[in-house]
Protein backbone atom coordinates (compact mmCIF):
# COMPACT_ATOMS: atom_id res chain seq x y z
CA UNK A 1 58.74 39.10 58.24
CA UNK A 2 58.44 37.54 61.79
CA UNK A 3 57.93 39.57 64.99
CA UNK A 4 61.66 39.41 66.10
CA UNK A 5 62.65 41.13 62.78
CA UNK A 6 60.19 43.70 63.13
CA UNK A 7 61.40 44.54 66.70
CA UNK A 8 64.95 44.65 65.61
CA UNK A 9 64.15 47.02 62.69
CA UNK A 10 62.28 49.42 65.22
CA UNK A 11 65.29 49.25 67.54
CA UNK A 12 67.73 50.12 64.79
CA UNK A 13 65.46 53.09 63.64
CA UNK A 14 65.08 54.40 67.41
CA UNK A 15 68.93 54.31 67.79
CA UNK A 16 69.32 56.06 64.68
CA UNK A 17 66.89 58.76 65.70
CA UNK A 18 68.57 59.15 69.17
CA UNK A 19 71.84 59.53 67.41
CA UNK A 20 70.65 61.97 65.13
CA UNK A 21 69.13 64.13 67.97
CA UNK A 22 72.46 63.78 69.78
CA UNK A 23 74.42 65.05 66.71
CA UNK A 24 71.86 67.81 66.14
CA UNK A 25 72.07 69.02 69.65
CA UNK A 26 75.86 68.62 69.56
CA UNK A 27 75.92 70.65 66.25
CA UNK A 28 73.72 73.50 67.68
CA UNK A 29 76.49 73.63 70.51
CA UNK A 30 79.45 73.65 68.21
CA UNK A 31 80.59 76.82 66.34
CA UNK A 32 83.35 77.98 63.81
CA UNK A 33 86.20 79.94 65.04
CA UNK A 34 89.29 81.27 63.27
CA UNK A 35 92.87 80.37 64.34
CA UNK A 36 94.49 83.21 66.21
CA UNK A 37 98.17 84.12 66.52
CA UNK A 38 99.69 85.66 69.62
CA UNK A 39 102.96 85.95 71.24
CA UNK A 40 104.14 82.84 72.95
CA UNK A 41 103.22 81.99 76.42
CA UNK A 42 105.32 78.96 76.68
CA UNK A 43 104.94 77.39 80.20
CA UNK A 44 106.35 74.50 82.29
CA UNK A 45 104.06 72.62 84.54
CA UNK A 46 105.41 72.01 87.96
CA UNK A 47 103.78 70.09 90.81
CA UNK A 48 103.22 71.86 94.21
CA UNK A 49 101.44 71.48 97.54
CA UNK A 50 98.62 73.59 99.22
CA UNK A 51 100.24 74.81 102.53
CA UNK A 52 98.82 77.11 105.26
CA UNK A 53 99.82 80.67 105.32
CA UNK A 54 101.97 79.95 108.31
CA UNK A 55 102.30 76.87 110.46
CA UNK A 56 104.29 75.83 113.65
CA UNK A 57 105.17 72.69 115.22
CA UNK A 58 104.35 72.74 118.89
CA UNK A 59 106.80 70.43 120.93
CA UNK A 60 106.99 69.31 124.60
CA UNK A 61 109.09 71.60 126.82
CA UNK A 62 108.79 69.38 129.96
CA UNK A 63 108.77 65.66 130.64
CA UNK A 64 105.44 64.36 131.75
CA UNK A 65 102.17 62.76 130.79
CA UNK A 66 99.78 64.29 128.50
CA UNK A 67 96.73 65.30 130.50
CA UNK A 68 94.32 66.57 127.60
CA UNK A 69 94.53 67.67 123.92
CA UNK A 70 91.70 69.97 123.73
CA UNK A 71 90.74 69.28 120.13
CA UNK A 72 91.11 66.89 117.17
CA UNK A 73 92.52 67.48 113.65
CA UNK A 74 90.73 70.55 112.20
CA UNK A 75 89.53 72.00 115.46
CA UNK A 76 89.89 75.67 115.57
CA UNK A 77 91.56 77.71 118.30
CA UNK A 78 91.95 81.44 119.22
CA UNK A 79 95.21 83.01 120.02
CA UNK A 80 96.05 82.40 123.64
CA UNK A 81 93.75 79.24 124.00
CA UNK A 82 95.43 75.96 125.49
CA UNK A 83 95.83 73.30 123.05
CA UNK A 84 97.78 70.64 124.93
CA UNK A 85 98.10 70.29 128.79
CA UNK A 86 101.04 68.12 130.19
CA UNK A 87 101.00 66.91 133.95
CA UNK A 88 103.14 69.49 135.92
CA UNK A 89 103.10 67.60 139.45
CA UNK A 90 106.96 66.90 139.48
CA UNK A 91 107.56 70.58 138.64
CA UNK A 92 105.11 71.75 141.26
CA UNK A 93 107.00 69.72 143.95
CA UNK A 94 110.35 71.39 142.94
CA UNK A 95 108.70 74.74 143.12
CA UNK A 96 107.79 74.00 146.83
CA UNK A 97 111.37 73.02 147.55
CA UNK A 98 112.74 76.11 145.88
CA UNK A 99 110.13 78.42 147.59
CA UNK A 100 111.58 77.21 150.82
CA UNK A 101 114.93 77.83 149.65
CA UNK A 102 113.88 81.51 148.77
CA UNK A 103 112.41 82.08 152.27
CA UNK A 104 115.58 80.81 153.92
CA UNK A 105 117.82 83.13 151.79
CA UNK A 106 115.46 86.03 152.64
CA UNK A 107 115.78 85.34 156.43
CA UNK A 108 119.56 85.07 156.02
CA UNK A 109 119.72 88.39 154.20
CA UNK A 110 117.64 90.17 156.91
CA UNK A 111 120.14 88.91 159.41
CA UNK A 112 123.18 90.05 157.51
CA UNK A 113 121.57 93.39 156.96
CA UNK A 114 120.85 93.66 160.84
CA UNK A 115 124.76 92.66 161.57
CA UNK A 116 125.99 95.13 159.21
CA UNK A 117 123.98 98.11 160.74
CA UNK A 118 125.05 96.85 164.27
CA UNK A 119 128.68 96.89 162.96
CA UNK A 120 128.09 100.61 161.68
CA UNK A 121 126.55 101.73 164.92
CA UNK A 122 128.28 99.75 167.55
CA UNK A 123 131.62 98.43 166.37
CA UNK A 124 132.71 95.10 167.80
CA UNK A 125 136.39 96.46 168.29
CA UNK A 126 134.98 99.02 170.83
CA UNK A 127 132.67 96.65 172.88
CA UNK A 128 133.47 97.04 176.44
CA UNK A 129 131.00 94.33 177.70
CA UNK A 130 133.09 91.45 176.36
CA UNK A 131 135.15 91.05 179.65
CA UNK A 132 133.89 90.65 183.26
CA UNK A 133 134.71 93.24 185.98
CA UNK A 134 132.53 96.10 184.66
CA UNK A 135 134.58 95.84 181.55
CA UNK A 136 137.60 97.63 183.13
CA UNK A 137 140.18 95.35 181.43
CA UNK A 138 138.57 96.22 178.00
CA UNK A 139 138.27 99.80 178.78
CA UNK A 140 141.96 99.93 179.71
CA UNK A 141 142.66 97.91 176.29
CA UNK A 142 140.52 100.36 174.38
CA UNK A 143 141.67 103.75 175.96
CA UNK A 144 145.12 103.17 176.93
CA UNK A 145 146.80 99.91 175.39
CA UNK A 146 145.34 100.09 171.82
CA UNK A 147 145.88 103.99 171.33
CA UNK A 148 149.45 103.74 172.67
CA UNK A 149 150.23 100.69 170.40
CA UNK A 150 148.54 102.44 167.39
CA UNK A 151 150.68 105.68 168.02
CA UNK A 152 153.79 103.79 168.38
CA UNK A 153 153.12 101.44 165.41
CA UNK A 154 153.51 98.55 167.63
CA UNK A 155 151.27 95.74 165.79
CA UNK A 156 147.91 97.23 166.23
CA UNK A 157 146.14 99.59 163.78
CA UNK A 158 142.68 100.65 164.88
CA UNK A 159 141.73 102.00 161.61
CA UNK A 160 142.59 98.70 159.81
CA UNK A 161 140.71 96.77 162.56
CA UNK A 162 137.56 98.94 161.94
CA UNK A 163 137.95 98.54 158.23
CA UNK A 164 138.35 94.76 158.51
CA UNK A 165 135.14 94.34 160.79
CA UNK A 166 132.97 96.40 158.27
CA UNK A 167 134.09 94.65 155.24
CA UNK A 168 133.45 91.28 156.96
CA UNK A 169 129.90 92.54 157.55
CA UNK A 170 129.45 93.81 154.17
CA UNK A 171 130.57 90.52 152.51
CA UNK A 172 128.06 88.63 154.56
CA UNK A 173 125.55 90.89 153.46
CA UNK A 174 126.50 90.40 149.74
CA UNK A 175 126.54 86.85 149.92
CA UNK A 176 123.09 86.90 151.54
CA UNK A 177 121.73 89.05 148.59
CA UNK A 178 123.42 86.71 146.14
CA UNK A 179 121.74 83.63 147.86
CA UNK A 180 118.21 85.39 147.53
CA UNK A 181 118.96 86.10 143.88
CA UNK A 182 119.90 82.55 142.94
CA UNK A 183 116.95 81.10 144.73
CA UNK A 184 114.47 83.73 142.94
CA UNK A 185 116.32 82.81 139.65
CA UNK A 186 115.50 79.06 140.28
CA UNK A 187 111.86 79.95 141.16
CA UNK A 188 111.50 81.73 137.93
CA UNK A 189 113.06 78.97 135.97
CA UNK A 190 110.47 76.51 137.28
CA UNK A 191 107.63 79.06 136.68
CA UNK A 192 108.67 79.10 133.06
CA UNK A 193 108.63 75.40 132.85
CA UNK A 194 105.23 75.27 134.41
CA UNK A 195 104.02 77.80 131.80
CA UNK A 196 105.55 75.66 128.95
CA UNK A 197 103.58 72.65 130.42
CA UNK A 198 100.65 74.17 128.41
CA UNK A 199 100.88 74.50 124.66
CA UNK A 200 99.08 77.69 123.78
CA UNK A 201 98.01 78.71 120.33
CA UNK A 202 100.28 81.60 118.95
CA UNK A 203 97.78 82.63 116.54
CA UNK A 204 94.21 81.78 115.33
CA UNK A 205 94.28 78.65 113.48
CA UNK A 206 93.25 74.85 113.53
CA UNK A 207 95.37 71.70 114.27
CA UNK A 208 96.79 70.20 111.20
CA UNK A 209 98.07 67.08 112.65
CA UNK A 210 98.26 65.17 115.98
CA UNK A 211 101.47 63.47 117.12
CA UNK A 212 100.42 62.21 120.72
CA UNK A 213 97.30 61.28 122.35
CA UNK A 214 95.97 61.80 126.04
CA UNK A 215 97.83 59.47 128.34
CA UNK A 216 101.13 59.40 126.34
CA UNK A 217 104.38 60.15 128.04
CA UNK A 218 106.56 62.74 126.40
CA UNK A 219 110.18 64.08 126.72
CA UNK A 220 111.34 67.71 126.02
CA UNK A 221 111.62 68.34 122.31
CA UNK A 222 108.97 65.64 121.36
CA UNK A 223 106.40 66.93 118.70
CA UNK A 224 103.04 67.33 120.01
CA UNK A 225 100.75 68.89 117.27
CA UNK A 226 101.23 70.79 114.08
CA UNK A 227 99.33 74.11 114.30
CA UNK A 228 98.56 76.35 111.09
CA UNK A 229 96.85 79.50 110.07
CA UNK A 230 94.51 78.50 107.31
CA UNK A 231 92.26 81.61 106.57
CA UNK A 232 94.75 82.23 103.54
CA UNK A 233 96.32 79.33 101.69
CA UNK A 234 99.49 79.18 99.73
CA UNK A 235 101.18 76.94 97.20
CA UNK A 236 104.71 75.63 97.80
CA UNK A 237 106.75 74.45 94.81
CA UNK A 238 110.47 73.48 94.14
CA UNK A 239 111.09 75.55 91.00
CA UNK A 240 114.17 74.57 88.72
CA UNK A 241 116.76 77.38 89.17
CA UNK A 242 116.61 77.80 85.42
CA UNK A 243 112.84 78.96 85.56
CA UNK A 244 113.18 81.23 88.70
CA UNK A 245 114.45 84.01 86.45
CA UNK A 246 110.98 84.35 84.81
CA UNK A 247 109.32 84.79 88.29
CA UNK A 248 109.04 88.07 90.24
CA UNK A 249 107.29 88.65 93.58
CA UNK A 250 103.83 90.08 92.68
CA UNK A 251 103.31 88.54 89.35
CA UNK A 252 100.44 86.25 88.64
CA UNK A 253 100.75 82.74 87.16
CA UNK A 254 97.99 80.06 86.18
CA UNK A 255 97.53 77.10 88.47
CA UNK A 256 95.06 74.15 88.82
CA UNK A 257 93.85 72.43 92.03
CA UNK A 258 91.83 69.52 91.29
CA UNK A 259 91.14 71.19 87.76
CA UNK A 260 89.79 74.42 89.53
CA UNK A 261 91.58 76.84 91.60
CA UNK A 262 88.85 79.56 92.55
CA UNK A 263 85.11 80.13 92.30
CA UNK A 264 85.28 82.28 89.22
CA UNK A 265 82.94 85.13 88.40
CA UNK A 266 82.13 86.46 85.08
CA UNK A 267 84.84 88.60 83.55
CA UNK A 268 87.18 87.71 86.47
CA UNK A 269 90.76 88.44 85.11
CA UNK A 270 92.38 86.73 87.87
CA UNK A 271 90.32 83.55 87.69
CA UNK A 272 92.69 80.60 87.93
CA UNK A 273 95.66 82.79 88.83
CA UNK A 274 97.97 82.64 91.82
CA UNK A 275 100.33 85.44 93.16
CA UNK A 276 103.94 84.99 93.73
CA UNK A 277 104.42 85.90 97.30
CA UNK A 278 107.92 84.66 98.23
CA UNK A 279 111.11 83.27 96.51
CA UNK A 280 113.59 81.86 98.70
CA UNK A 281 117.12 83.67 98.20
CA UNK A 282 119.08 80.25 98.11
CA UNK A 283 118.75 77.19 95.98
CA UNK A 284 118.93 73.44 97.07
CA UNK A 285 122.71 72.49 96.32
CA UNK A 286 121.63 68.94 95.71
CA UNK A 287 118.33 69.28 93.56
CA UNK A 288 119.21 72.74 92.28
CA UNK A 289 115.74 74.22 92.89
CA UNK A 290 114.43 77.10 94.64
CA UNK A 291 111.42 77.10 96.93
CA UNK A 292 108.76 79.69 95.60
CA UNK A 293 105.43 80.38 97.37
CA UNK A 294 102.26 81.44 95.68
CA UNK A 295 99.20 83.13 97.44
CA UNK A 296 95.74 81.74 96.58
CA UNK A 297 92.54 83.85 96.38
CA UNK A 298 90.65 83.88 99.49
CA UNK A 299 87.68 82.03 98.11
CA UNK A 300 89.66 79.14 96.84
CA UNK A 301 88.11 75.89 97.90
CA UNK A 302 91.28 73.76 98.64
CA UNK A 303 92.61 71.81 101.53
CA UNK A 304 96.04 71.64 103.08
CA UNK A 305 98.22 68.98 101.41
CA UNK A 306 96.18 68.95 98.12
CA UNK A 307 98.36 68.45 95.00
CA UNK A 308 98.32 71.31 92.52
CA UNK A 309 99.75 72.18 89.36
CA UNK A 310 101.59 75.54 88.43
CA UNK A 311 102.23 76.86 84.95
CA UNK A 312 105.57 78.66 85.21
CA UNK A 313 106.44 80.88 82.18
CA UNK A 314 109.54 79.87 80.24
CA UNK A 315 111.78 82.79 79.25
CA UNK A 316 113.41 81.22 76.33
CA UNK A 317 110.63 81.99 73.58
CA UNK A 318 109.42 85.33 74.56
CA UNK A 319 108.13 87.34 71.85
CA UNK A 320 107.76 84.60 69.31
CA UNK A 321 104.50 84.47 67.47
CA UNK A 322 102.46 81.08 67.59
CA UNK A 323 99.31 79.76 66.49
CA UNK A 324 96.92 78.77 69.21
CA UNK A 325 93.46 77.06 69.40
CA UNK A 326 91.12 76.21 72.27
CA UNK A 327 91.58 72.79 73.81
CA UNK A 328 87.81 72.15 73.18
CA UNK A 329 88.39 72.28 69.39
CA UNK A 330 90.35 69.08 69.52
CA UNK A 331 88.31 66.09 68.39
CA UNK A 332 87.57 63.69 71.43
CA UNK A 333 88.41 59.94 71.54
CA UNK A 334 91.38 60.04 68.93
CA UNK A 335 94.89 58.83 69.63
CA UNK A 336 96.50 61.60 67.56
CA UNK A 337 95.45 65.31 67.92
CA UNK A 338 93.19 66.54 65.18
CA UNK A 339 90.69 69.02 64.26
CA UNK A 340 87.79 69.77 61.66
CA UNK A 341 88.96 72.50 59.22
CA UNK A 342 86.29 74.44 57.06
CA UNK A 343 86.85 73.78 53.41
CA UNK A 344 84.16 75.54 51.46
CA UNK A 345 80.78 74.18 52.60
CA UNK A 346 82.10 71.14 54.10
CA UNK A 347 84.88 70.10 56.72
CA UNK A 348 87.93 68.13 56.56
CA UNK A 349 89.86 66.18 58.94
CA UNK A 350 93.31 67.55 59.67
CA UNK A 351 96.06 66.19 62.11
CA UNK A 352 98.01 68.84 64.11
CA UNK A 353 101.15 68.74 66.11
CA UNK A 354 100.53 70.49 69.61
CA UNK A 355 103.14 72.68 71.68
CA UNK A 356 103.07 74.03 75.09
CA UNK A 357 99.98 75.22 76.80
CA UNK A 358 99.16 78.90 76.40
CA UNK A 359 97.20 79.74 79.58
CA UNK A 360 94.43 77.52 81.06
CA UNK A 361 92.39 76.73 78.03
CA UNK A 362 94.28 77.31 74.96
CA UNK A 363 97.25 75.13 73.33
CA UNK A 364 99.86 76.05 70.80
CA UNK A 365 99.78 74.53 67.33
CA UNK A 366 103.14 73.84 65.98
CA UNK A 367 102.18 72.58 62.68
CA UNK A 368 98.94 71.65 60.63
CA UNK A 369 97.24 75.08 60.84
CA UNK A 370 97.82 78.49 59.61
CA UNK A 371 96.77 81.89 60.84
CA UNK A 372 93.34 82.65 59.58
CA UNK A 373 92.20 78.95 59.14
CA UNK A 374 88.62 78.27 60.38
CA UNK A 375 87.90 75.32 62.38
CA UNK A 376 84.94 73.84 64.41
CA UNK A 377 85.03 74.43 68.06
CA UNK A 378 83.32 72.03 70.50
CA UNK A 379 82.65 69.03 68.08
CA UNK A 380 80.80 66.19 69.26
CA UNK A 381 82.35 62.79 69.72
CA UNK A 382 82.39 60.55 66.81
CA UNK A 383 82.09 63.06 64.09
CA UNK A 384 84.52 62.97 61.05
CA UNK A 385 85.27 64.69 57.76
CA UNK A 386 82.27 66.30 56.27
CA UNK A 387 80.51 67.07 59.52
CA UNK A 388 79.16 70.70 59.93
CA UNK A 389 77.41 72.40 62.78
CA UNK A 390 73.87 73.22 62.56
């Protein structure tokens, strides 16, 4: 026997020893369990998306150039802090012009008030200084001609003349007041636009998406940033209208986000569960789906926009008894689902037909097993009939 044959023999023996050690370790991890029966928990798996607890789209309210965006995607802001600044130079110029109009209107109002007070105290119809000669012609007119004409009803009514002069002064005063109010309204409008030149955080949160950069020119209504409150997260799913009847606000359903929803603690009954928080009252008339939101637990390690699967309970099979086994009992690496069933002191391979998921880790067996059958859980890869755990 040459050296190469000896080396090959030892290599084969070593591989056999390693494989035997692997099977022994796997056999120690495997155990024998009994097929259980429980009420059906048939579920439908739907896709969903992780969304913030609440979010807003901040848009430009004035035209101008973006002076600064005080953060990047993911930057946190407290309520009231400035997120985006837009150049308000043109509005400031308009404000100066309107401020001048306010000053002019206020001066006209003061003059109208003075003229009205003068008419009340010293009526123009009785002014004796409007004619020369010590006002004698006017005095004759006031004390003789006008009273005689008023008494005889010949074309002059002193009361109506007095009323007309007062109404003329009062009208001028009202117009002056209206001009001041109009100018102040224009000033308030510009002040509001100046306030809207800054996009302020409406609540604590982070920037989810930026639509503009510093230096961009924007127009009113153009989106600037998407802002969201991410301390609490939700799942948003379009649920077929036929499945919505099985959901109620406040109930818990199973969900998976990248395989894990929560950092589970031992004996945590809500591990992997999400809470139905909102069911929209109307359905999409085209897709015939209803938007449903689910609250995630606070310690969920997930990111906004992540894809998630939700197990929605189907109401058509409630109360039906089904056989269930753990998913870990299925043999790995086989094209058809199969398990190892205990038969006396050995095991035999048996093909099974699977149904829907029953929770997060168990599956329904439609055929191939009966209640009370004993099977091997956690069998190692590559085993077949006759293999038994140690």
